[in-house]
Amino acid sequence: MRKFALIVVVLIMSTIFPQGILMAKGKDISDLAGKTLKVVLNGDNSLADLMIKNAVETNWNVTPFEFIKQSEFQEFMSDTSLFFLMRLQESFPKESEPYGTFLVLLSPGEEKPETINDMNFHFRMIISTKDSDALYATNFYSLYIKAMHGVLLEKIGKKSTFFDKFNAFISEEIDNREKLSGTTLYMNKGELSSKFDNSIVENQSGELVKIVDQDEIEDAISNDKDVAVTYLLNVTSKWESFSYKVLINAKSGYLYYYKRDKLFFGKSTGFSNGDIKGYISDCYGD
């Protein structure tokens, strides 16, 4: 498993949130049965805080939930009757500036945690990077929370198998593209590879895959349209470069696809011709 340096979005207690090496410990999501969710907010009335709070209040009914500030997290982090939803930032080793912000779901381990690194991670998906549009990213908080809620509703209190792809959300690849069949897919044209060939979509025999502007993606999310939308997040540093590619339902938050692609020399960022051909096939079925 890859190692990361971990930084909380607002660094207020360095003894609790060190910039050490994170060994994310995946834990069966079914273990959260009977626990209360503590939603950790920055407490600054930011748009991200408001979006998370609204998404939880509107969609979360699988467990009880309460809101706390980051300054209160230390007080609760060892309580095994609780689990936590929060934002964390990650940086590469030997780099102080974080490369991205992740939305995570975590809980205390069997032993009292000294730091957040000692806790169990159930869900971990990137929500923004240092080079991405932080305002645009807020659109996806509600979808990620819906994704978590949907899986918890299905799995909580039930014994999962080793082969269950939702056993732990810290996986760098989740692939449910077969569920795209019959679903309209909105591709953000700003997320397409520079080498993308538009004729792939223009020559298709149907209307299920559409190349759209970013504002149409935002409109689909804000109006709960039952369509799949793309989300691309690029990370570039002196250590390595990669892209996170996400396909998610704008209404339900169903996660069709989540993959981290390493970018080798000469490889274009963005959704490629091969991606689109595969998605078209998945949308229309074999």
Protein backbone atom coordinates (compact mmCIF):
# COMPACT_ATOMS: atom_id res chain seq x y z
CA MET A 1 0.00 0.00 0.00
CA ARG A 2 1.30 3.45 -0.89
CA LYS A 3 2.44 5.80 1.85
CA PHE A 4 1.44 9.42 2.21
CA ALA A 5 2.27 12.32 4.43
CA LEU A 6 -0.97 13.54 5.99
CA ILE A 7 -2.04 17.08 6.82
CA VAL A 8 -5.48 18.09 8.07
CA VAL A 9 -7.16 20.86 6.11
CA VAL A 10 -6.74 23.28 8.99
CA LEU A 11 -3.60 22.54 11.00
CA ILE A 12 -4.61 23.46 14.51
CA MET A 13 -3.13 20.68 16.67
CA SER A 14 0.18 19.37 15.34
CA THR A 15 0.40 16.69 18.05
CA ILE A 16 -2.85 15.18 16.82
CA PHE A 17 -2.36 15.72 13.08
CA PRO A 18 1.36 15.16 12.37
CA GLN A 19 2.94 15.35 8.94
CA GLY A 20 4.09 11.76 9.34
CA ILE A 21 3.71 8.83 6.99
CA LEU A 22 0.18 7.52 6.70
CA MET A 23 -0.42 3.79 6.50
CA ALA A 24 -4.12 3.83 5.60
CA LYS A 25 -5.64 0.75 7.20
CA GLY A 26 -8.66 -0.49 5.27
CA LYS A 27 -11.45 -1.77 7.49
CA ASP A 28 -14.65 -3.64 6.67
CA ILE A 29 -17.34 -0.99 6.23
CA SER A 30 -19.94 -3.30 7.81
CA ASP A 31 -18.24 -2.74 11.20
CA LEU A 32 -19.86 0.71 11.44
CA ALA A 33 -23.26 -0.71 12.42
CA GLY A 34 -24.62 0.86 15.62
CA LYS A 35 -22.18 3.79 15.57
CA THR A 36 -22.84 7.52 15.34
CA LEU A 37 -21.27 9.60 12.58
CA LYS A 38 -19.40 12.70 13.69
CA VAL A 39 -19.06 15.11 10.77
CA VAL A 40 -15.94 17.21 11.30
CA LEU A 41 -16.27 20.72 9.87
CA ASN A 42 -13.67 23.46 9.67
CA GLY A 43 -16.10 25.72 11.48
CA ASP A 44 -15.38 28.70 9.22
CA ASN A 45 -18.74 28.81 7.41
CA SER A 46 -16.92 28.09 4.15
CA LEU A 47 -18.88 26.90 1.13
CA ALA A 48 -17.33 23.44 1.51
CA ASP A 49 -18.53 23.28 5.13
CA LEU A 50 -22.02 24.34 4.11
CA MET A 51 -22.17 21.85 1.23
CA ILE A 52 -21.08 18.96 3.45
CA LYS A 53 -23.49 19.93 6.23
CA ASN A 54 -26.41 20.22 3.81
CA ALA A 55 -25.57 16.93 2.07
CA VAL A 56 -25.48 15.04 5.37
CA GLU A 57 -28.69 16.65 6.69
CA THR A 58 -30.49 15.96 3.42
CA ASN A 59 -29.28 12.44 2.61
CA TRP A 60 -27.90 10.69 5.69
CA ASN A 61 -30.32 8.36 7.50
CA VAL A 62 -28.37 5.11 7.81
CA THR A 63 -26.89 6.10 11.21
CA PRO A 64 -27.32 8.96 13.69
CA PHE A 65 -25.05 11.94 12.95
CA GLU A 66 -23.73 15.03 14.72
CA PHE A 67 -21.56 17.96 13.64
CA ILE A 68 -18.37 19.00 15.41
CA LYS A 69 -15.52 21.40 14.73
CA GLN A 70 -11.95 20.28 14.09
CA SER A 71 -10.98 21.81 17.43
CA GLU A 72 -13.24 19.21 19.07
CA PHE A 73 -11.94 16.19 17.17
CA GLN A 74 -9.29 15.24 19.77
CA GLU A 75 -12.00 14.93 22.39
CA PHE A 76 -13.85 12.24 20.40
CA MET A 77 -11.23 10.48 18.27
CA SER A 78 -10.80 7.52 20.67
CA ASP A 79 -14.50 6.84 21.16
CA THR A 80 -15.23 3.45 19.55
CA SER A 81 -18.96 4.19 19.43
CA LEU A 82 -18.24 6.83 16.79
CA PHE A 83 -16.93 7.14 13.26
CA PHE A 84 -15.95 10.31 11.42
CA LEU A 85 -16.40 12.10 8.11
CA MET A 86 -13.78 14.75 7.40
CA ARG A 87 -11.47 16.37 4.88
CA LEU A 88 -7.77 15.58 4.93
CA GLN A 89 -4.91 16.85 2.82
CA GLU A 90 -2.08 14.65 1.61
CA SER A 91 1.42 15.55 0.50
CA PHE A 92 4.28 13.61 -0.98
CA PRO A 93 7.22 12.67 1.30
CA LYS A 94 9.64 15.57 1.75
CA GLU A 95 7.07 18.05 0.39
CA SER A 96 5.32 20.47 2.73
CA GLU A 97 2.66 21.64 0.28
CA PRO A 98 -0.25 19.20 0.00
CA TYR A 99 -1.11 17.98 -3.48
CA GLY A 100 -4.77 17.22 -2.80
CA THR A 101 -7.72 17.17 -0.44
CA PHE A 102 -9.51 13.88 0.24
CA LEU A 103 -12.93 13.19 1.73
CA VAL A 104 -12.48 10.34 4.20
CA LEU A 105 -14.57 8.15 6.47
CA LEU A 106 -12.63 6.75 9.42
CA SER A 107 -13.01 5.21 12.87
CA PRO A 108 -10.86 4.45 15.94
CA GLY A 109 -8.94 1.19 15.93
CA GLU A 110 -8.89 -1.43 18.66
CA GLU A 111 -6.13 0.45 20.45
CA LYS A 112 -6.45 4.09 21.49
CA PRO A 113 -5.14 6.19 18.57
CA GLU A 114 -2.27 8.55 19.30
CA THR A 115 -2.74 10.34 15.97
CA ILE A 116 -5.12 10.18 13.06
CA ASN A 117 -2.63 7.87 11.33
CA ASP A 118 -3.57 5.13 13.81
CA MET A 119 -7.23 5.10 12.76
CA ASN A 120 -9.08 2.83 10.34
CA PHE A 121 -9.93 4.29 6.95
CA HIS A 122 -13.16 3.09 5.30
CA PHE A 123 -13.54 5.62 2.49
CA ARG A 124 -10.92 7.79 0.79
CA MET A 125 -11.54 9.70 -2.42
CA ILE A 126 -9.82 12.79 -3.77
CA ILE A 127 -12.08 15.84 -3.99
CA SER A 128 -9.67 18.56 -5.17
CA THR A 129 -5.99 19.21 -5.94
CA LYS A 130 -3.74 22.23 -5.56
CA ASP A 131 -4.24 23.00 -9.27
CA SER A 132 -7.99 22.34 -9.50
CA ASP A 133 -10.93 24.70 -9.10
CA ALA A 134 -11.85 24.53 -5.39
CA LEU A 135 -15.22 26.15 -6.05
CA TYR A 136 -16.11 23.58 -8.73
CA ALA A 137 -15.04 20.78 -6.37
CA THR A 138 -17.80 21.70 -3.90
CA ASN A 139 -20.34 20.31 -6.41
CA PHE A 140 -18.98 16.83 -5.77
CA TYR A 141 -19.14 16.81 -1.96
CA SER A 142 -22.82 15.92 -2.03
CA LEU A 143 -22.23 13.16 -4.59
CA TYR A 144 -19.38 11.59 -2.61
CA ILE A 145 -21.49 11.65 0.56
CA LYS A 146 -24.39 10.05 -1.32
CA ALA A 147 -21.96 7.38 -2.58
CA MET A 148 -20.83 6.61 0.98
CA HIS A 149 -24.39 6.57 2.27
CA GLY A 150 -25.55 4.21 -0.46
CA VAL A 151 -22.85 1.66 0.24
CA LEU A 152 -23.33 1.89 4.00
CA LEU A 153 -27.06 1.36 3.54
CA GLU A 154 -26.30 -1.79 1.57
CA LYS A 155 -23.42 -3.16 3.64
CA ILE A 156 -23.65 -1.91 7.22
CA GLY A 157 -24.09 -4.70 9.73
CA LYS A 158 -23.60 -7.35 7.06
CA LYS A 159 -20.53 -9.52 6.74
CA SER A 160 -18.54 -8.61 3.63
CA THR A 161 -16.41 -11.00 1.61
CA PHE A 162 -12.79 -10.60 0.63
CA PHE A 163 -13.84 -10.09 -2.97
CA ASP A 164 -16.37 -7.37 -2.22
CA LYS A 165 -15.17 -4.33 -4.19
CA PHE A 166 -16.77 -2.05 -1.57
CA ASN A 167 -15.05 -3.78 1.35
CA ALA A 168 -12.83 -0.73 1.74
CA PHE A 169 -13.06 2.55 -0.15
CA ILE A 170 -9.34 3.22 0.05
CA SER A 171 -8.90 1.25 -3.16
CA GLU A 172 -7.38 3.25 -6.03
CA GLU A 173 -9.75 1.57 -8.47
CA ILE A 174 -13.49 0.93 -8.35
CA ASP A 175 -15.09 -0.21 -11.58
CA ASN A 176 -18.87 -0.54 -11.93
CA ARG A 177 -19.07 0.66 -15.53
CA GLU A 178 -21.41 -2.17 -16.49
CA LYS A 179 -24.06 -0.21 -14.56
CA LEU A 180 -23.79 2.60 -17.15
CA SER A 181 -25.96 0.67 -19.61
CA GLY A 182 -28.86 2.89 -20.68
CA THR A 183 -27.60 5.89 -18.68
CA THR A 184 -26.75 9.19 -20.37
CA LEU A 185 -23.12 10.18 -19.77
CA TYR A 186 -22.07 13.85 -19.72
CA MET A 187 -18.38 14.24 -20.56
CA ASN A 188 -16.89 17.59 -19.48
CA LYS A 189 -15.12 18.79 -22.62
CA GLY A 190 -12.56 20.58 -20.49
CA GLU A 191 -11.50 17.20 -19.10
CA LEU A 192 -10.82 15.53 -22.45
CA SER A 193 -7.32 14.64 -23.57
CA SER A 194 -5.67 17.10 -25.97
CA LYS A 195 -5.45 14.16 -28.38
CA PHE A 196 -9.15 13.36 -28.14
CA ASP A 197 -10.95 12.68 -31.44
CA ASN A 198 -14.47 14.15 -31.38
CA SER A 199 -15.57 11.91 -34.24
CA ILE A 200 -15.71 9.01 -31.77
CA VAL A 201 -18.80 10.58 -30.23
CA GLU A 202 -20.10 12.28 -33.38
CA ASN A 203 -20.20 8.97 -35.26
CA GLN A 204 -21.91 6.95 -32.56
CA SER A 205 -25.33 5.59 -33.43
CA GLY A 206 -27.15 7.01 -30.40
CA GLU A 207 -27.44 9.91 -27.98
CA LEU A 208 -26.29 8.50 -24.64
CA VAL A 209 -22.78 10.03 -24.58
CA LYS A 210 -22.64 13.83 -24.74
CA ILE A 211 -19.69 16.25 -24.71
CA VAL A 212 -20.81 19.25 -22.62
CA ASP A 213 -19.49 22.42 -20.99
CA GLN A 214 -18.64 22.47 -17.28
CA ASP A 215 -21.71 24.54 -16.45
CA GLU A 216 -23.89 21.71 -17.79
CA ILE A 217 -22.19 19.33 -15.36
CA GLU A 218 -22.92 21.75 -12.51
CA ASP A 219 -26.53 22.10 -13.70
CA ALA A 220 -26.95 18.31 -13.79
CA ILE A 221 -25.74 18.04 -10.19
CA SER A 222 -27.72 20.98 -8.82
CA ASN A 223 -30.92 19.74 -10.48
CA ASP A 224 -30.49 16.07 -9.55
CA LYS A 225 -30.50 14.87 -13.15
CA ASP A 226 -30.32 11.09 -13.45
CA VAL A 227 -27.20 11.14 -15.63
CA ALA A 228 -23.60 10.10 -15.16
CA VAL A 229 -20.99 12.90 -15.10
CA THR A 230 -17.20 12.93 -15.32
CA TYR A 231 -14.73 14.42 -12.86
CA LEU A 232 -10.99 14.66 -13.56
CA LEU A 233 -8.28 15.61 -11.07
CA ASN A 234 -4.64 15.90 -12.14
CA VAL A 235 -1.64 15.76 -9.81
CA THR A 236 1.83 16.80 -10.96
CA SER A 237 4.96 17.05 -8.84
CA LYS A 238 8.67 16.27 -8.99
CA TRP A 239 7.85 12.90 -7.46
CA GLU A 240 5.21 11.63 -9.87
CA SER A 241 2.27 12.64 -12.00
CA PHE A 242 -1.13 10.99 -12.19
CA SER A 243 -4.80 11.58 -12.95
CA TYR A 244 -7.85 10.55 -10.97
CA LYS A 245 -10.80 9.73 -13.25
CA VAL A 246 -14.30 9.61 -11.77
CA LEU A 247 -17.70 8.70 -13.25
CA ILE A 248 -20.56 9.30 -10.82
CA ASN A 249 -24.33 9.69 -11.02
CA ALA A 250 -25.41 13.33 -10.65
CA LYS A 251 -28.59 12.38 -8.80
CA SER A 252 -27.87 9.30 -6.68
CA GLY A 253 -24.10 9.57 -6.27
CA TYR A 254 -23.72 6.01 -7.57
CA LEU A 255 -20.02 5.49 -8.26
CA TYR A 256 -19.49 3.92 -11.66
CA TYR A 257 -15.73 4.42 -11.84
CA TYR A 258 -12.82 5.71 -9.79
CA LYS A 259 -9.27 5.15 -10.99
CA ARG A 260 -5.83 6.62 -10.47
CA ASP A 261 -3.83 6.61 -13.72
CA LYS A 262 -0.08 7.13 -13.59
CA LEU A 263 1.09 9.60 -16.22
CA PHE A 264 4.24 8.47 -17.94
CA PHE A 265 6.35 10.70 -20.20
CA GLY A 266 4.36 11.75 -23.26
CA LYS A 267 0.99 10.55 -21.95
CA SER A 268 -1.76 13.16 -22.17
CA THR A 269 -3.89 14.02 -19.19
CA GLY A 270 -7.64 13.77 -19.48
CA PHE A 271 -10.17 11.26 -20.69
CA SER A 272 -8.75 9.54 -23.75
CA ASN A 273 -10.13 8.09 -26.99
CA GLY A 274 -9.89 4.64 -25.42
CA ASP A 275 -11.83 5.80 -22.35
CA ILE A 276 -14.65 7.20 -24.48
CA LYS A 277 -14.88 4.09 -26.67
CA GLY A 278 -15.16 1.96 -23.54
CA TYR A 279 -17.78 4.22 -21.97
CA ILE A 280 -19.86 4.24 -25.16
CA SER A 281 -19.80 0.46 -25.15
CA ASP A 282 -20.81 0.39 -21.49
CA CYS A 283 -23.63 2.89 -21.99
CA TYR A 284 -25.19 0.98 -24.84
CA GLY A 285 -24.32 -2.49 -23.64
CA ASP A 286 -22.77 -5.25 -25.69
